[in-house]
Amino acid sequence: MKYVYKVCDDGHFDILSTNDDYVLQANETFEQPEDGIYLPVKFVDGKIVGATEEEWEAYQAELNKDVPAPEPTALEQQVAALGYQQMQDAKDKQALTEQNAQLAYQVMQLQQQLGGQA
């Protein structure tokens, strides 16, 4: 039994299990392609060759050009709103902490003034 690697018209490749006496057809090879190659693949000099990263990015853009961006679910919107509220609360807490520090400083100054008058 042998494995045949065949480049398909859509830029992918298939793996076929064949008999030992199988005769290769066009765009087929017994040589396994490298792992991690980018799609689309092509048949060059008897080998399956992957696209460059730039070609792959263009290929992905073409595949996804008509796919609309997904709308956030109600849960995702609620999580985002809660995250925003948490950020606002943190800002408010910081402002209150600063006001508290200013008031504490003013109280200390008044105590010093009153202590100096006695």
PDB file of N, CA and C in Angstrom:
ATOM      1  N   MET A   1       0.838  -1.176   0.000  1.00  0.00           N
ATOM      2  CA  MET A   1       0.000   0.000   0.000  1.00  0.00           C
ATOM      3  C   MET A   1       0.885   1.243   0.000  1.00  0.00           C
ATOM      4  N   LYS A   2       0.497   2.221  -0.828  1.00  0.00           N
ATOM      5  CA  LYS A   2       1.219   3.488  -0.922  1.00  0.00           C
ATOM      6  C   LYS A   2       0.236   4.630  -0.696  1.00  0.00           C
ATOM      7  N   TYR A   3       0.793   5.766  -0.308  1.00  0.00           N
ATOM      8  CA  TYR A   3      -0.016   6.973  -0.183  1.00  0.00           C
ATOM      9  C   TYR A   3       0.319   7.905  -1.337  1.00  0.00           C
ATOM     10  N   VAL A   4      -0.724   8.441  -1.926  1.00  0.00           N
ATOM     11  CA  VAL A   4      -0.577   9.390  -3.021  1.00  0.00           C
ATOM     12  C   VAL A   4      -1.090  10.736  -2.529  1.00  0.00           C
ATOM     13  N   TYR A   5      -0.337  11.773  -2.802  1.00  0.00           N
ATOM     14  CA  TYR A   5      -0.708  13.134  -2.428  1.00  0.00           C
ATOM     15  C   TYR A   5      -1.088  13.857  -3.708  1.00  0.00           C
ATOM     16  N   LYS A   6      -2.326  14.355  -3.739  1.00  0.00           N
ATOM     17  CA  LYS A   6      -2.869  14.936  -4.966  1.00  0.00           C
ATOM     18  C   LYS A   6      -3.301  16.376  -4.711  1.00  0.00           C
ATOM     19  N   VAL A   7      -2.856  17.285  -5.584  1.00  0.00           N
ATOM     20  CA  VAL A   7      -3.273  18.685  -5.504  1.00  0.00           C
ATOM     21  C   VAL A   7      -4.644  18.815  -6.165  1.00  0.00           C
ATOM     22  N   CYS A   8      -5.577  19.414  -5.435  1.00  0.00           N
ATOM     23  CA  CYS A   8      -6.942  19.608  -5.938  1.00  0.00           C
ATOM     24  C   CYS A   8      -7.074  20.998  -6.561  1.00  0.00           C
ATOM     25  N   ASP A   9      -8.124  21.169  -7.332  1.00  0.00           N
ATOM     26  CA  ASP A   9      -8.349  22.442  -8.017  1.00  0.00           C
ATOM     27  C   ASP A   9      -8.585  23.603  -7.057  1.00  0.00           C
ATOM     28  N   ASP A  10      -9.047  23.315  -5.838  1.00  0.00           N
ATOM     29  CA  ASP A  10      -9.353  24.389  -4.887  1.00  0.00           C
ATOM     30  C   ASP A  10      -8.149  24.822  -4.048  1.00  0.00           C
ATOM     31  N   GLY A  11      -6.957  24.277  -4.340  1.00  0.00           N
ATOM     32  CA  GLY A  11      -5.758  24.699  -3.628  1.00  0.00           C
ATOM     33  C   GLY A  11      -5.418  23.855  -2.416  1.00  0.00           C
ATOM     34  N   HIS A  12      -6.201  22.833  -2.151  1.00  0.00           N
ATOM     35  CA  HIS A  12      -5.911  21.897  -1.067  1.00  0.00           C
ATOM     36  C   HIS A  12      -5.261  20.657  -1.665  1.00  0.00           C
ATOM     37  N   PHE A  13      -4.860  19.733  -0.802  1.00  0.00           N
ATOM     38  CA  PHE A  13      -4.393  18.458  -1.329  1.00  0.00           C
ATOM     39  C   PHE A  13      -5.068  17.324  -0.579  1.00  0.00           C
ATOM     40  N   ASP A  14      -5.245  16.226  -1.287  1.00  0.00           N
ATOM     41  CA  ASP A  14      -5.849  15.023  -0.718  1.00  0.00           C
ATOM     42  C   ASP A  14      -4.779  13.955  -0.568  1.00  0.00           C
ATOM     43  N   ILE A  15      -5.036  13.044   0.350  1.00  0.00           N
ATOM     44  CA  ILE A  15      -4.164  11.888   0.543  1.00  0.00           C
ATOM     45  C   ILE A  15      -4.983  10.651   0.188  1.00  0.00           C
ATOM     46  N   LEU A  16      -4.475   9.891  -0.752  1.00  0.00           N
ATOM     47  CA  LEU A  16      -5.172   8.691  -1.206  1.00  0.00           C
ATOM     48  C   LEU A  16      -4.352   7.462  -0.851  1.00  0.00           C
ATOM     49  N   SER A  17      -5.025   6.423  -0.425  1.00  0.00           N
ATOM     50  CA  SER A  17      -4.374   5.144  -0.160  1.00  0.00           C
ATOM     51  C   SER A  17      -4.526   4.294  -1.419  1.00  0.00           C
ATOM     52  N   THR A  18      -3.404   3.811  -1.959  1.00  0.00           N
ATOM     53  CA  THR A  18      -3.448   3.082  -3.234  1.00  0.00           C
ATOM     54  C   THR A  18      -2.673   1.771  -3.137  1.00  0.00           C
ATOM     55  N   ASN A  19      -2.809   0.982  -4.187  1.00  0.00           N
ATOM     56  CA  ASN A  19      -2.025  -0.253  -4.301  1.00  0.00           C
ATOM     57  C   ASN A  19      -0.582   0.095  -4.636  1.00  0.00           C
ATOM     58  N   ASP A  20       0.303  -0.859  -4.411  1.00  0.00           N
ATOM     59  CA  ASP A  20       1.726  -0.631  -4.681  1.00  0.00           C
ATOM     60  C   ASP A  20       2.015  -0.399  -6.161  1.00  0.00           C
ATOM     61  N   ASP A  21       1.150  -0.882  -7.044  1.00  0.00           N
ATOM     62  CA  ASP A  21       1.401  -0.733  -8.482  1.00  0.00           C
ATOM     63  C   ASP A  21       0.671   0.483  -9.081  1.00  0.00           C
ATOM     64  N   TYR A  22       0.207   1.387  -8.244  1.00  0.00           N
ATOM     65  CA  TYR A  22      -0.539   2.563  -8.715  1.00  0.00           C
ATOM     66  C   TYR A  22       0.360   3.434  -9.590  1.00  0.00           C
ATOM     67  N   VAL A  23      -0.209   3.936 -10.682  1.00  0.00           N
ATOM     68  CA  VAL A  23       0.506   4.827 -11.593  1.00  0.00           C
ATOM     69  C   VAL A  23       0.013   6.250 -11.321  1.00  0.00           C
ATOM     70  N   LEU A  24       0.960   7.140 -11.049  1.00  0.00           N
ATOM     71  CA  LEU A  24       0.609   8.522 -10.723  1.00  0.00           C
ATOM     72  C   LEU A  24      -0.079   9.214 -11.894  1.00  0.00           C
ATOM     73  N   GLN A  25      -1.058  10.042 -11.564  1.00  0.00           N
ATOM     74  CA  GLN A  25      -1.756  10.877 -12.535  1.00  0.00           C
ATOM     75  C   GLN A  25      -1.193  12.304 -12.428  1.00  0.00           C
ATOM     76  N   ALA A  26      -1.773  13.203 -13.194  1.00  0.00           N
ATOM     77  CA  ALA A  26      -1.346  14.606 -13.151  1.00  0.00           C
ATOM     78  C   ALA A  26      -1.569  15.168 -11.743  1.00  0.00           C
ATOM     79  N   ASN A  27      -0.647  15.998 -11.293  1.00  0.00           N
ATOM     80  CA  ASN A  27      -0.715  16.667  -9.988  1.00  0.00           C
ATOM     81  C   ASN A  27      -0.718  15.700  -8.810  1.00  0.00           C
ATOM     82  N   GLU A  28      -0.077  14.552  -8.966  1.00  0.00           N
ATOM     83  CA  GLU A  28       0.032  13.575  -7.888  1.00  0.00           C
ATOM     84  C   GLU A  28       1.498  13.242  -7.640  1.00  0.00           C
ATOM     85  N   THR A  29       1.779  12.866  -6.390  1.00  0.00           N
ATOM     86  CA  THR A  29       3.129  12.467  -6.019  1.00  0.00           C
ATOM     87  C   THR A  29       3.055  11.472  -4.870  1.00  0.00           C
ATOM     88  N   PHE A  30       4.104  10.666  -4.748  1.00  0.00           N
ATOM     89  CA  PHE A  30       4.222   9.784  -3.591  1.00  0.00           C
ATOM     90  C   PHE A  30       4.935  10.496  -2.446  1.00  0.00           C
ATOM     91  N   GLU A  31       5.518  11.648  -2.732  1.00  0.00           N
ATOM     92  CA  GLU A  31       6.303  12.387  -1.739  1.00  0.00           C
ATOM     93  C   GLU A  31       5.378  13.225  -0.851  1.00  0.00           C
ATOM     94  N   GLN A  32       5.461  12.984   0.450  1.00  0.00           N
ATOM     95  CA  GLN A  32       4.616  13.706   1.402  1.00  0.00           C
ATOM     96  C   GLN A  32       5.024  15.175   1.453  1.00  0.00           C
ATOM     97  N   PRO A  33       4.044  16.090   1.398  1.00  0.00           N
ATOM     98  CA  PRO A  33       4.368  17.519   1.517  1.00  0.00           C
ATOM     99  C   PRO A  33       4.916  17.835   2.912  1.00  0.00           C
ATOM    100  N   GLU A  34       5.646  18.927   3.007  1.00  0.00           N
ATOM    101  CA  GLU A  34       6.172  19.362   4.301  1.00  0.00           C
ATOM    102  C   GLU A  34       5.020  19.692   5.239  1.00  0.00           C
ATOM    103  N   ASP A  35       5.250  19.512   6.520  1.00  0.00           N
ATOM    104  CA  ASP A  35       4.252  19.898   7.518  1.00  0.00           C
ATOM    105  C   ASP A  35       4.178  21.415   7.608  1.00  0.00           C
ATOM    106  N   GLY A  36       2.983  21.923   7.875  1.00  0.00           N
ATOM    107  CA  GLY A  36       2.808  23.344   8.139  1.00  0.00           C
ATOM    108  C   GLY A  36       2.856  24.242   6.925  1.00  0.00           C
ATOM    109  N   ILE A  37       2.634  23.692   5.739  1.00  0.00           N
ATOM    110  CA  ILE A  37       2.670  24.558   4.552  1.00  0.00           C
ATOM    111  C   ILE A  37       1.366  25.352   4.455  1.00  0.00           C
ATOM    112  N   TYR A  38       1.470  26.521   3.844  1.00  0.00           N
ATOM    113  CA  TYR A  38       0.312  27.397   3.674  1.00  0.00           C
ATOM    114  C   TYR A  38      -0.501  26.988   2.451  1.00  0.00           C
ATOM    115  N   LEU A  39      -1.809  27.207   2.558  1.00  0.00           N
ATOM    116  CA  LEU A  39      -2.702  27.026   1.417  1.00  0.00           C
ATOM    117  C   LEU A  39      -2.797  28.343   0.670  1.00  0.00           C
ATOM    118  N   PRO A  40      -3.042  28.352  -0.596  1.00  0.00           N
ATOM    119  CA  PRO A  40      -3.254  27.199  -1.459  1.00  0.00           C
ATOM    120  C   PRO A  40      -1.923  26.559  -1.857  1.00  0.00           C
ATOM    121  N   VAL A  41      -1.989  25.267  -2.115  1.00  0.00           N
ATOM    122  CA  VAL A  41      -0.799  24.545  -2.553  1.00  0.00           C
ATOM    123  C   VAL A  41      -0.816  24.439  -4.070  1.00  0.00           C
ATOM    124  N   LYS A  42       0.348  24.156  -4.610  1.00  0.00           N
ATOM    125  CA  LYS A  42       0.446  23.938  -6.057  1.00  0.00           C
ATOM    126  C   LYS A  42       1.448  22.825  -6.309  1.00  0.00           C
ATOM    127  N   PHE A  43       1.436  22.317  -7.502  1.00  0.00           N
ATOM    128  CA  PHE A  43       2.307  21.219  -7.891  1.00  0.00           C
ATOM    129  C   PHE A  43       3.451  21.803  -8.707  1.00  0.00           C
ATOM    130  N   VAL A  44       4.680  21.703  -8.175  1.00  0.00           N
ATOM    131  CA  VAL A  44       5.843  22.279  -8.842  1.00  0.00           C
ATOM    132  C   VAL A  44       6.953  21.236  -8.885  1.00  0.00           C
ATOM    133  N   ASP A  45       7.416  20.924 -10.084  1.00  0.00           N
ATOM    134  CA  ASP A  45       8.530  19.984 -10.272  1.00  0.00           C
ATOM    135  C   ASP A  45       8.323  18.673  -9.512  1.00  0.00           C
ATOM    136  N   GLY A  46       7.114  18.151  -9.573  1.00  0.00           N
ATOM    137  CA  GLY A  46       6.829  16.861  -8.958  1.00  0.00           C
ATOM    138  C   GLY A  46       6.608  16.896  -7.458  1.00  0.00           C
ATOM    139  N   LYS A  47       6.526  18.093  -6.890  1.00  0.00           N
ATOM    140  CA  LYS A  47       6.326  18.230  -5.444  1.00  0.00           C
ATOM    141  C   LYS A  47       5.132  19.140  -5.168  1.00  0.00           C
ATOM    142  N   ILE A  48       4.540  18.927  -4.009  1.00  0.00           N
ATOM    143  CA  ILE A  48       3.477  19.822  -3.552  1.00  0.00           C
ATOM    144  C   ILE A  48       4.141  20.928  -2.743  1.00  0.00           C
ATOM    145  N   VAL A  49       3.919  22.158  -3.180  1.00  0.00           N
ATOM    146  CA  VAL A  49       4.564  23.321  -2.572  1.00  0.00           C
ATOM    147  C   VAL A  49       3.481  24.244  -2.021  1.00  0.00           C
ATOM    148  N   GLY A  50       3.707  24.731  -0.811  1.00  0.00           N
ATOM    149  CA  GLY A  50       2.754  25.646  -0.190  1.00  0.00           C
ATOM    150  C   GLY A  50       2.987  27.079  -0.620  1.00  0.00           C
ATOM    151  N   ALA A  51       1.984  27.892  -0.368  1.00  0.00           N
ATOM    152  CA  ALA A  51       2.056  29.317  -0.681  1.00  0.00           C
ATOM    153  C   ALA A  51       2.973  30.022   0.315  1.00  0.00           C
ATOM    154  N   THR A  52       3.408  31.210  -0.042  1.00  0.00           N
ATOM    155  CA  THR A  52       4.146  32.042   0.906  1.00  0.00           C
ATOM    156  C   THR A  52       3.146  32.599   1.915  1.00  0.00           C
ATOM    157  N   GLU A  53       3.641  33.165   2.983  1.00  0.00           N
ATOM    158  CA  GLU A  53       2.737  33.741   3.981  1.00  0.00           C
ATOM    159  C   GLU A  53       1.900  34.864   3.370  1.00  0.00           C
ATOM    160  N   GLU A  54       2.518  35.664   2.506  1.00  0.00           N
ATOM    161  CA  GLU A  54       1.796  36.765   1.857  1.00  0.00           C
ATOM    162  C   GLU A  54       0.699  36.225   0.936  1.00  0.00           C
ATOM    163  N   GLU A  55       1.016  35.172   0.188  1.00  0.00           N
ATOM    164  CA  GLU A  55       0.007  34.562  -0.686  1.00  0.00           C
ATOM    165  C   GLU A  55      -1.135  33.975   0.141  1.00  0.00           C
ATOM    166  N   TRP A  56      -0.781  33.362   1.275  1.00  0.00           N
ATOM    167  CA  TRP A  56      -1.798  32.786   2.143  1.00  0.00           C
ATOM    168  C   TRP A  56      -2.730  33.872   2.689  1.00  0.00           C
ATOM    169  N   GLU A  57      -2.150  35.012   3.112  1.00  0.00           N
ATOM    170  CA  GLU A  57      -2.972  36.111   3.628  1.00  0.00           C
ATOM    171  C   GLU A  57      -3.929  36.621   2.553  1.00  0.00           C
ATOM    172  N   ALA A  58      -3.438  36.747   1.327  1.00  0.00           N
ATOM    173  CA  ALA A  58      -4.302  37.186   0.225  1.00  0.00           C
ATOM    174  C   ALA A  58      -5.389  36.147  -0.047  1.00  0.00           C
ATOM    175  N   TYR A  59      -5.024  34.878   0.026  1.00  0.00           N
ATOM    176  CA  TYR A  59      -5.976  33.779  -0.180  1.00  0.00           C
ATOM    177  C   TYR A  59      -7.064  33.819   0.889  1.00  0.00           C
ATOM    178  N   GLN A  60      -6.671  34.027   2.142  1.00  0.00           N
ATOM    179  CA  GLN A  60      -7.641  34.110   3.235  1.00  0.00           C
ATOM    180  C   GLN A  60      -8.564  35.312   3.060  1.00  0.00           C
ATOM    181  N   ALA A  61      -7.997  36.435   2.654  1.00  0.00           N
ATOM    182  CA  ALA A  61      -8.809  37.637   2.442  1.00  0.00           C
ATOM    183  C   ALA A  61      -9.846  37.384   1.350  1.00  0.00           C
ATOM    184  N   GLU A  62      -9.433  36.709   0.296  1.00  0.00           N
ATOM    185  CA  GLU A  62     -10.359  36.401  -0.800  1.00  0.00           C
ATOM    186  C   GLU A  62     -11.454  35.444  -0.329  1.00  0.00           C
ATOM    187  N   LEU A  63     -11.084  34.450   0.462  1.00  0.00           N
ATOM    188  CA  LEU A  63     -12.079  33.497   0.971  1.00  0.00           C
ATOM    189  C   LEU A  63     -13.098  34.174   1.879  1.00  0.00           C
ATOM    190  N   ASN A  64     -12.637  35.155   2.649  1.00  0.00           N
ATOM    191  CA  ASN A  64     -13.486  35.771   3.671  1.00  0.00           C
ATOM    192  C   ASN A  64     -14.098  37.101   3.254  1.00  0.00           C
ATOM    193  N   LYS A  65     -13.935  37.489   2.002  1.00  0.00           N
ATOM    194  CA  LYS A  65     -14.389  38.821   1.593  1.00  0.00           C
ATOM    195  C   LYS A  65     -15.901  38.998   1.711  1.00  0.00           C
ATOM    196  N   ASP A  66     -16.659  37.940   1.537  1.00  0.00           N
ATOM    197  CA  ASP A  66     -18.115  38.047   1.597  1.00  0.00           C
ATOM    198  C   ASP A  66     -18.691  37.595   2.936  1.00  0.00           C
ATOM    199  N   VAL A  67     -17.815  37.281   3.881  1.00  0.00           N
ATOM    200  CA  VAL A  67     -18.279  36.827   5.193  1.00  0.00           C
ATOM    201  C   VAL A  67     -18.452  38.050   6.089  1.00  0.00           C
ATOM    202  N   PRO A  68     -19.676  38.307   6.537  1.00  0.00           N
ATOM    203  CA  PRO A  68     -19.879  39.493   7.383  1.00  0.00           C
ATOM    204  C   PRO A  68     -19.244  39.294   8.758  1.00  0.00           C
ATOM    205  N   ALA A  69     -18.861  40.394   9.350  1.00  0.00           N
ATOM    206  CA  ALA A  69     -18.302  40.334  10.705  1.00  0.00           C
ATOM    207  C   ALA A  69     -19.399  39.866  11.653  1.00  0.00           C
ATOM    208  N   PRO A  70     -19.070  38.987  12.572  1.00  0.00           N
ATOM    209  CA  PRO A  70     -20.111  38.483  13.477  1.00  0.00           C
ATOM    210  C   PRO A  70     -20.595  39.572  14.426  1.00  0.00           C
ATOM    211  N   GLU A  71     -21.889  39.570  14.676  1.00  0.00           N
ATOM    212  CA  GLU A  71     -22.476  40.504  15.636  1.00  0.00           C
ATOM    213  C   GLU A  71     -22.271  39.944  17.041  1.00  0.00           C
ATOM    214  N   PRO A  72     -21.963  40.803  17.999  1.00  0.00           N
ATOM    215  CA  PRO A  72     -21.797  40.293  19.363  1.00  0.00           C
ATOM    216  C   PRO A  72     -23.128  39.784  19.916  1.00  0.00           C
ATOM    217  N   THR A  73     -23.041  38.730  20.693  1.00  0.00           N
ATOM    218  CA  THR A  73     -24.241  38.178  21.314  1.00  0.00           C
ATOM    219  C   THR A  73     -24.678  39.094  22.458  1.00  0.00           C
ATOM    220  N   ALA A  74     -25.871  38.853  22.952  1.00  0.00           N
ATOM    221  CA  ALA A  74     -26.374  39.645  24.079  1.00  0.00           C
ATOM    222  C   ALA A  74     -25.449  39.491  25.286  1.00  0.00           C
ATOM    223  N   LEU A  75     -24.967  38.280  25.504  1.00  0.00           N
ATOM    224  CA  LEU A  75     -24.058  38.047  26.631  1.00  0.00           C
ATOM    225  C   LEU A  75     -22.756  38.823  26.450  1.00  0.00           C
ATOM    226  N   GLU A  76     -22.206  38.808  25.240  1.00  0.00           N
ATOM    227  CA  GLU A  76     -20.969  39.554  24.979  1.00  0.00           C
ATOM    228  C   GLU A  76     -21.181  41.053  25.180  1.00  0.00           C
ATOM    229  N   GLN A  77     -22.347  41.551  24.777  1.00  0.00           N
ATOM    230  CA  GLN A  77     -22.648  42.968  24.981  1.00  0.00           C
ATOM    231  C   GLN A  77     -22.753  43.293  26.471  1.00  0.00           C
ATOM    232  N   GLN A  78     -23.365  42.395  27.239  1.00  0.00           N
ATOM    233  CA  GLN A  78     -23.481  42.610  28.682  1.00  0.00           C
ATOM    234  C   GLN A  78     -22.107  42.588  29.348  1.00  0.00           C
ATOM    235  N   VAL A  79     -21.264  41.657  28.930  1.00  0.00           N
ATOM    236  CA  VAL A  79     -19.912  41.574  29.491  1.00  0.00           C
ATOM    237  C   VAL A  79     -19.138  42.853  29.178  1.00  0.00           C
ATOM    238  N   ALA A  80     -19.276  43.348  27.958  1.00  0.00           N
ATOM    239  CA  ALA A  80     -18.596  44.588  27.583  1.00  0.00           C
ATOM    240  C   ALA A  80     -19.114  45.758  28.418  1.00  0.00           C
ATOM    241  N   ALA A  81     -20.427  45.820  28.613  1.00  0.00           N
ATOM    242  CA  ALA A  81     -21.010  46.904  29.410  1.00  0.00           C
ATOM    243  C   ALA A  81     -20.527  46.828  30.857  1.00  0.00           C
ATOM    244  N   LEU A  82     -20.454  45.617  31.399  1.00  0.00           N
ATOM    245  CA  LEU A  82     -19.961  45.460  32.769  1.00  0.00           C
ATOM    246  C   LEU A  82     -18.486  45.844  32.875  1.00  0.00           C
ATOM    247  N   GLY A  83     -17.714  45.492  31.875  1.00  0.00           N
ATOM    248  CA  GLY A  83     -16.303  45.881  31.868  1.00  0.00           C
ATOM    249  C   GLY A  83     -16.145  47.388  31.831  1.00  0.00           C
ATOM    250  N   TYR A  84     -16.971  48.041  31.019  1.00  0.00           N
ATOM    251  CA  TYR A  84     -16.929  49.503  30.939  1.00  0.00           C
ATOM    252  C   TYR A  84     -17.333  50.114  32.279  1.00  0.00           C
ATOM    253  N   GLN A  85     -18.384  49.564  32.893  1.00  0.00           N
ATOM    254  CA  GLN A  85     -18.834  50.069  34.190  1.00  0.00           C
ATOM    255  C   GLN A  85     -17.752  49.882  35.249  1.00  0.00           C
ATOM    256  N   GLN A  86     -17.062  48.757  35.199  1.00  0.00           N
ATOM    257  CA  GLN A  86     -15.981  48.508  36.153  1.00  0.00           C
ATOM    258  C   GLN A  86     -14.865  49.538  35.978  1.00  0.00           C
ATOM    259  N   MET A  87     -14.568  49.876  34.736  1.00  0.00           N
ATOM    260  CA  MET A  87     -13.548  50.886  34.478  1.00  0.00           C
ATOM    261  C   MET A  87     -13.988  52.245  35.038  1.00  0.00           C
ATOM    262  N   GLN A  88     -15.255  52.595  34.826  1.00  0.00           N
ATOM    263  CA  GLN A  88     -15.774  53.859  35.351  1.00  0.00           C
ATOM    264  C   GLN A  88     -15.725  53.867  36.881  1.00  0.00           C
ATOM    265  N   ASP A  89     -16.093  52.742  37.489  1.00  0.00           N
ATOM    266  CA  ASP A  89     -16.058  52.642  38.950  1.00  0.00           C
ATOM    267  C   ASP A  89     -14.636  52.816  39.475  1.00  0.00           C
ATOM    268  N   ALA A  90     -13.673  52.249  38.777  1.00  0.00           N
ATOM    269  CA  ALA A  90     -12.273  52.380  39.194  1.00  0.00           C
ATOM    270  C   ALA A  90     -11.829  53.839  39.108  1.00  0.00           C
ATOM    271  N   LYS A  91     -12.260  54.541  38.059  1.00  0.00           N
ATOM    272  CA  LYS A  91     -11.922  55.966  37.938  1.00  0.00           C
ATOM    273  C   LYS A  91     -12.561  56.767  39.072  1.00  0.00           C
ATOM    274  N   ASP A  92     -13.834  56.460  39.371  1.00  0.00           N
ATOM    275  CA  ASP A  92     -14.529  57.155  40.459  1.00  0.00           C
ATOM    276  C   ASP A  92     -13.842  56.888  41.794  1.00  0.00           C
ATOM    277  N   LYS A  93     -13.434  55.650  42.020  1.00  0.00           N
ATOM    278  CA  LYS A  93     -12.748  55.295  43.265  1.00  0.00           C
ATOM    279  C   LYS A  93     -11.443  56.071  43.386  1.00  0.00           C
ATOM    280  N   GLN A  94     -10.719  56.189  42.285  1.00  0.00           N
ATOM    281  CA  GLN A  94      -9.460  56.937  42.300  1.00  0.00           C
ATOM    282  C   GLN A  94      -9.715  58.398  42.650  1.00  0.00           C
ATOM    283  N   ALA A  95     -10.758  58.979  42.062  1.00  0.00           N
ATOM    284  CA  ALA A  95     -11.080  60.381  42.350  1.00  0.00           C
ATOM    285  C   ALA A  95     -11.459  60.554  43.819  1.00  0.00           C
ATOM    286  N   LEU A  96     -12.244  59.622  44.364  1.00  0.00           N
ATOM    287  CA  LEU A  96     -12.635  59.700  45.771  1.00  0.00           C
ATOM    288  C   LEU A  96     -11.427  59.522  46.694  1.00  0.00           C
ATOM    289  N   THR A  97     -10.517  58.652  46.317  1.00  0.00           N
ATOM    290  CA  THR A  97      -9.305  58.446  47.111  1.00  0.00           C
ATOM    291  C   THR A  97      -8.476  59.729  47.150  1.00  0.00           C
ATOM    292  N   GLU A  98      -8.379  60.409  46.013  1.00  0.00           N
ATOM    293  CA  GLU A  98      -7.636  61.671  45.962  1.00  0.00           C
ATOM    294  C   GLU A  98      -8.326  62.738  46.813  1.00  0.00           C
ATOM    295  N   GLN A  99      -9.662  62.818  46.737  1.00  0.00           N
ATOM    296  CA  GLN A  99     -10.403  63.784  47.554  1.00  0.00           C
ATOM    297  C   GLN A  99     -10.216  63.482  49.038  1.00  0.00           C
ATOM    298  N   ASN A 100     -10.255  62.216  49.388  1.00  0.00           N
ATOM    299  CA  ASN A 100     -10.071  61.806  50.777  1.00  0.00           C
ATOM    300  C   ASN A 100      -8.688  62.225  51.277  1.00  0.00           C
ATOM    301  N   ALA A 101      -7.683  62.045  50.447  1.00  0.00           N
ATOM    302  CA  ALA A 101      -6.323  62.434  50.836  1.00  0.00           C
ATOM    303  C   ALA A 101      -6.240  63.947  51.038  1.00  0.00           C
ATOM    304  N   GLN A 102      -6.891  64.706  50.163  1.00  0.00           N
ATOM    305  CA  GLN A 102      -6.883  66.164  50.306  1.00  0.00           C
ATOM    306  C   GLN A 102      -7.593  66.593  51.590  1.00  0.00           C
ATOM    307  N   LEU A 103      -8.730  65.971  51.871  1.00  0.00           N
ATOM    308  CA  LEU A 103      -9.467  66.302  53.093  1.00  0.00           C
ATOM    309  C   LEU A 103      -8.667  65.926  54.341  1.00  0.00           C
ATOM    310  N   ALA A 104      -8.018  64.794  54.303  1.00  0.00           N
ATOM    311  CA  ALA A 104      -7.197  64.376  55.445  1.00  0.00           C
ATOM    312  C   ALA A 104      -6.069  65.378  55.672  1.00  0.00           C
ATOM    313  N   TYR A 105      -5.489  65.868  54.600  1.00  0.00           N
ATOM    314  CA  TYR A 105      -4.415  66.861  54.715  1.00  0.00           C
ATOM    315  C   TYR A 105      -4.954  68.164  55.314  1.00  0.00           C
ATOM    316  N   GLN A 106      -6.148  68.573  54.861  1.00  0.00           N
ATOM    317  CA  GLN A 106      -6.755  69.797  55.389  1.00  0.00           C
ATOM    318  C   GLN A 106      -7.087  69.643  56.878  1.00  0.00           C
ATOM    319  N   VAL A 107      -7.597  68.482  57.275  1.00  0.00           N
ATOM    320  CA  VAL A 107      -7.898  68.226  58.687  1.00  0.00           C
ATOM    321  C   VAL A 107      -6.615  68.301  59.506  1.00  0.00           C
ATOM    322  N   MET A 108      -5.550  67.730  59.001  1.00  0.00           N
ATOM    323  CA  MET A 108      -4.272  67.762  59.709  1.00  0.00           C
ATOM    324  C   MET A 108      -3.793  69.204  59.880  1.00  0.00           C
ATOM    325  N   GLN A 109      -3.930  70.001  58.823  1.00  0.00           N
ATOM    326  CA  GLN A 109      -3.516  71.400  58.914  1.00  0.00           C
ATOM    327  C   GLN A 109      -4.359  72.150  59.946  1.00  0.00           C
ATOM    328  N   LEU A 110      -5.673  71.910  59.956  1.00  0.00           N
ATOM    329  CA  LEU A 110      -6.543  72.570  60.935  1.00  0.00           C
ATOM    330  C   LEU A 110      -6.195  72.143  62.359  1.00  0.00           C
ATOM    331  N   GLN A 111      -5.896  70.866  62.528  1.00  0.00           N
ATOM    332  CA  GLN A 111      -5.524  70.382  63.858  1.00  0.00           C
ATOM    333  C   GLN A 111      -4.228  71.050  64.324  1.00  0.00           C
ATOM    334  N   GLN A 112      -3.302  71.242  63.406  1.00  0.00           N
ATOM    335  CA  GLN A 112      -2.041  71.901  63.762  1.00  0.00           C
ATOM    336  C   GLN A 112      -2.292  73.361  64.136  1.00  0.00           C
ATOM    337  N   GLN A 113      -3.184  74.010  63.387  1.00  0.00           N
ATOM    338  CA  GLN A 113      -3.501  75.409  63.690  1.00  0.00           C
ATOM    339  C   GLN A 113      -4.185  75.524  65.048  1.00  0.00           C
ATOM    340  N   LEU A 114      -5.132  74.630  65.307  1.00  0.00           N
ATOM    341  CA  LEU A 114      -5.839  74.659  66.587  1.00  0.00           C
ATOM    342  C   LEU A 114      -4.906  74.289  67.737  1.00  0.00           C
ATOM    343  N   GLY A 115      -4.014  73.381  67.482  1.00  0.00           N
ATOM    344  CA  GLY A 115      -3.057  72.983  68.512  1.00  0.00           C
ATOM    345  C   GLY A 115      -2.088  74.110  68.824  1.00  0.00           C
ATOM    346  N   GLY A 116      -1.770  74.916  67.854  1.00  0.00           N
ATOM    347  CA  GLY A 116      -0.853  76.034  68.057  1.00  0.00           C
ATOM    348  C   GLY A 116      -1.516  77.191  68.779  1.00  0.00           C
ATOM    349  N   GLN A 117      -2.842  77.269  68.781  1.00  0.00           N
ATOM    350  CA  GLN A 117      -3.554  78.365  69.440  1.00  0.00           C
ATOM    351  C   GLN A 117      -3.773  78.080  70.918  1.00  0.00           C
ATOM    352  N   ALA A 118      -3.693  76.856  71.317  1.00  0.00           N
ATOM    353  CA  ALA A 118      -4.006  76.525  72.710  1.00  0.00           C
ATOM    354  C   ALA A 118      -2.896  76.856  73.655  1.00  0.00           C
TER     355      ALA A 118
END
